[in-house]
Amino acid sequence: MENDSEHTSHASSKKEKQKKGDFVRYLGVASTVGINMVATTVIGFAIGYWVVDKYLGTFPWFTGIFLLLGIIAGFKHLFKIARKMGEKNE
């Protein structure tokens, strides 16, 4: 009888560890997506403003174009990660 309770206890602690591990993994993915969104947007803005518009004197045209490209790149990465996470859960 004791062996059955030990087995049940061990199985429940294993499930708890699995849930904690999943939470930490999802937290890591969420923070990575957030950082990526900010980074791609800032990089797009920086390329448009400091690299192109400063030298060509075309402000704000290339700043806006590269800012939009950075935002699009961030969302592309977000959808890629979401698709990957959806496939893992199925």
C-alpha atoms as a PDB file:
ATOM      1  CA  MET A   1       0.000   0.000   0.000  1.00  0.00           C
ATOM      2  CA  GLU A   2       2.824   2.411   0.829  1.00  0.00           C
ATOM      3  CA  ASN A   3       4.390   1.778  -2.547  1.00  0.00           C
ATOM      4  CA  ASP A   4       1.204   2.928  -4.334  1.00  0.00           C
ATOM      5  CA  SER A   5       1.108   6.200  -2.385  1.00  0.00           C
ATOM      6  CA  GLU A   6       4.791   6.816  -3.100  1.00  0.00           C
ATOM      7  CA  HIS A   7       4.190   6.202  -6.799  1.00  0.00           C
ATOM      8  CA  THR A   8       1.205   8.597  -6.835  1.00  0.00           C
ATOM      9  CA  SER A   9       3.195  11.204  -4.896  1.00  0.00           C
ATOM     10  CA  HIS A  10       6.133  10.876  -7.269  1.00  0.00           C
ATOM     11  CA  ALA A  11       3.861  11.192 -10.320  1.00  0.00           C
ATOM     12  CA  SER A  12       2.177  14.334  -8.969  1.00  0.00           C
ATOM     13  CA  SER A  13       5.524  15.990  -8.168  1.00  0.00           C
ATOM     14  CA  LYS A  14       6.699  15.123 -11.659  1.00  0.00           C
ATOM     15  CA  LYS A  15       3.597  16.826 -13.130  1.00  0.00           C
ATOM     16  CA  GLU A  16       4.219  19.899 -10.967  1.00  0.00           C
ATOM     17  CA  LYS A  17       7.806  20.117 -12.208  1.00  0.00           C
ATOM     18  CA  GLN A  18       6.527  19.767 -15.792  1.00  0.00           C
ATOM     19  CA  LYS A  19       4.068  22.642 -15.256  1.00  0.00           C
ATOM     20  CA  LYS A  20       6.799  24.848 -13.768  1.00  0.00           C
ATOM     21  CA  GLY A  21       9.113  23.993 -16.645  1.00  0.00           C
ATOM     22  CA  ASP A  22       6.409  24.827 -19.191  1.00  0.00           C
ATOM     23  CA  PHE A  23       5.719  28.144 -17.437  1.00  0.00           C
ATOM     24  CA  VAL A  24       9.393  29.117 -17.491  1.00  0.00           C
ATOM     25  CA  ARG A  25       9.702  28.111 -21.145  1.00  0.00           C
ATOM     26  CA  TYR A  26       6.638  30.148 -22.140  1.00  0.00           C
ATOM     27  CA  LEU A  27       7.881  33.093 -20.095  1.00  0.00           C
ATOM     28  CA  GLY A  28      11.198  32.923 -21.937  1.00  0.00           C
ATOM     29  CA  VAL A  29       9.465  32.802 -25.314  1.00  0.00           C
ATOM     30  CA  ALA A  30       7.218  35.757 -24.411  1.00  0.00           C
ATOM     31  CA  SER A  31      10.159  37.875 -23.287  1.00  0.00           C
ATOM     32  CA  THR A  32      12.121  36.965 -26.405  1.00  0.00           C
ATOM     33  CA  VAL A  33       9.225  38.028 -28.624  1.00  0.00           C
ATOM     34  CA  GLY A  34       8.894  41.339 -26.748  1.00  0.00           C
ATOM     35  CA  ILE A  35      12.587  42.094 -26.974  1.00  0.00           C
ATOM     36  CA  ASN A  36      12.587  41.166 -30.664  1.00  0.00           C
ATOM     37  CA  MET A  37       9.654  43.506 -31.407  1.00  0.00           C
ATOM     38  CA  VAL A  38      11.430  46.433 -29.769  1.00  0.00           C
ATOM     39  CA  ALA A  39      14.817  45.613 -31.310  1.00  0.00           C
ATOM     40  CA  THR A  40      13.552  45.288 -34.886  1.00  0.00           C
ATOM     41  CA  THR A  41      11.565  48.511 -34.589  1.00  0.00           C
ATOM     42  CA  VAL A  42      14.534  50.452 -33.178  1.00  0.00           C
ATOM     43  CA  ILE A  43      16.916  49.001 -35.763  1.00  0.00           C
ATOM     44  CA  GLY A  44      14.524  49.900 -38.595  1.00  0.00           C
ATOM     45  CA  PHE A  45      14.204  53.444 -37.278  1.00  0.00           C
ATOM     46  CA  ALA A  46      17.970  53.795 -36.804  1.00  0.00           C
ATOM     47  CA  ILE A  47      18.768  52.597 -40.313  1.00  0.00           C
ATOM     48  CA  GLY A  48      16.191  54.923 -41.836  1.00  0.00           C
ATOM     49  CA  TYR A  49      17.104  57.977 -39.783  1.00  0.00           C
ATOM     50  CA  TRP A  50      20.841  57.840 -39.210  1.00  0.00           C
ATOM     51  CA  VAL A  51      22.046  55.814 -42.158  1.00  0.00           C
ATOM     52  CA  VAL A  52      19.827  56.842 -45.070  1.00  0.00           C
ATOM     53  CA  ASP A  53      18.000  60.102 -44.300  1.00  0.00           C
ATOM     54  CA  LYS A  54      21.012  61.876 -42.760  1.00  0.00           C
ATOM     55  CA  TYR A  55      23.113  61.287 -45.878  1.00  0.00           C
ATOM     56  CA  LEU A  56      20.431  61.828 -48.505  1.00  0.00           C
ATOM     57  CA  GLY A  57      18.592  64.641 -46.726  1.00  0.00           C
ATOM     58  CA  THR A  58      15.241  62.972 -47.330  1.00  0.00           C
ATOM     59  CA  PHE A  59      13.852  63.032 -43.785  1.00  0.00           C
ATOM     60  CA  PRO A  60      11.226  61.616 -42.945  1.00  0.00           C
ATOM     61  CA  TRP A  61      10.725  59.333 -45.949  1.00  0.00           C
ATOM     62  CA  PHE A  62      13.286  56.604 -45.373  1.00  0.00           C
ATOM     63  CA  THR A  63      12.834  56.837 -41.611  1.00  0.00           C
ATOM     64  CA  GLY A  64       9.169  55.937 -42.057  1.00  0.00           C
ATOM     65  CA  ILE A  65       9.870  53.221 -44.607  1.00  0.00           C
ATOM     66  CA  PHE A  66      12.533  51.500 -42.508  1.00  0.00           C
ATOM     67  CA  LEU A  67      10.478  51.931 -39.344  1.00  0.00           C
ATOM     68  CA  LEU A  68       7.600  50.084 -41.037  1.00  0.00           C
ATOM     69  CA  LEU A  69       9.994  47.405 -42.276  1.00  0.00           C
ATOM     70  CA  GLY A  70      11.271  46.937 -38.723  1.00  0.00           C
ATOM     71  CA  ILE A  71       7.744  46.613 -37.354  1.00  0.00           C
ATOM     72  CA  ILE A  72       6.863  44.114 -40.102  1.00  0.00           C
ATOM     73  CA  ALA A  73       9.987  42.089 -39.300  1.00  0.00           C
ATOM     74  CA  GLY A  74       9.007  42.014 -35.608  1.00  0.00           C
ATOM     75  CA  PHE A  75       5.495  40.776 -36.387  1.00  0.00           C
ATOM     76  CA  LYS A  76       6.874  38.201 -38.818  1.00  0.00           C
ATOM     77  CA  HIS A  77       9.018  36.801 -36.030  1.00  0.00           C
ATOM     78  CA  LEU A  78       6.041  36.884 -33.634  1.00  0.00           C
ATOM     79  CA  PHE A  79       3.879  34.843 -36.035  1.00  0.00           C
ATOM     80  CA  LYS A  80       6.727  32.412 -36.667  1.00  0.00           C
ATOM     81  CA  ILE A  81       7.124  31.754 -32.927  1.00  0.00           C
ATOM     82  CA  ALA A  82       3.343  31.491 -32.425  1.00  0.00           C
ATOM     83  CA  ARG A  83       3.089  28.932 -35.223  1.00  0.00           C
ATOM     84  CA  LYS A  84       5.954  26.928 -33.741  1.00  0.00           C
ATOM     85  CA  MET A  85       4.369  26.976 -30.267  1.00  0.00           C
ATOM     86  CA  GLY A  86       1.009  25.929 -31.746  1.00  0.00           C
ATOM     87  CA  GLU A  87       2.603  22.957 -33.490  1.00  0.00           C
ATOM     88  CA  LYS A  88       4.301  21.857 -30.243  1.00  0.00           C
ATOM     89  CA  ASN A  89       1.008  21.943 -28.327  1.00  0.00           C
ATOM     90  CA  GLU A  90      -0.843  19.770 -30.840  1.00  0.00           C
END
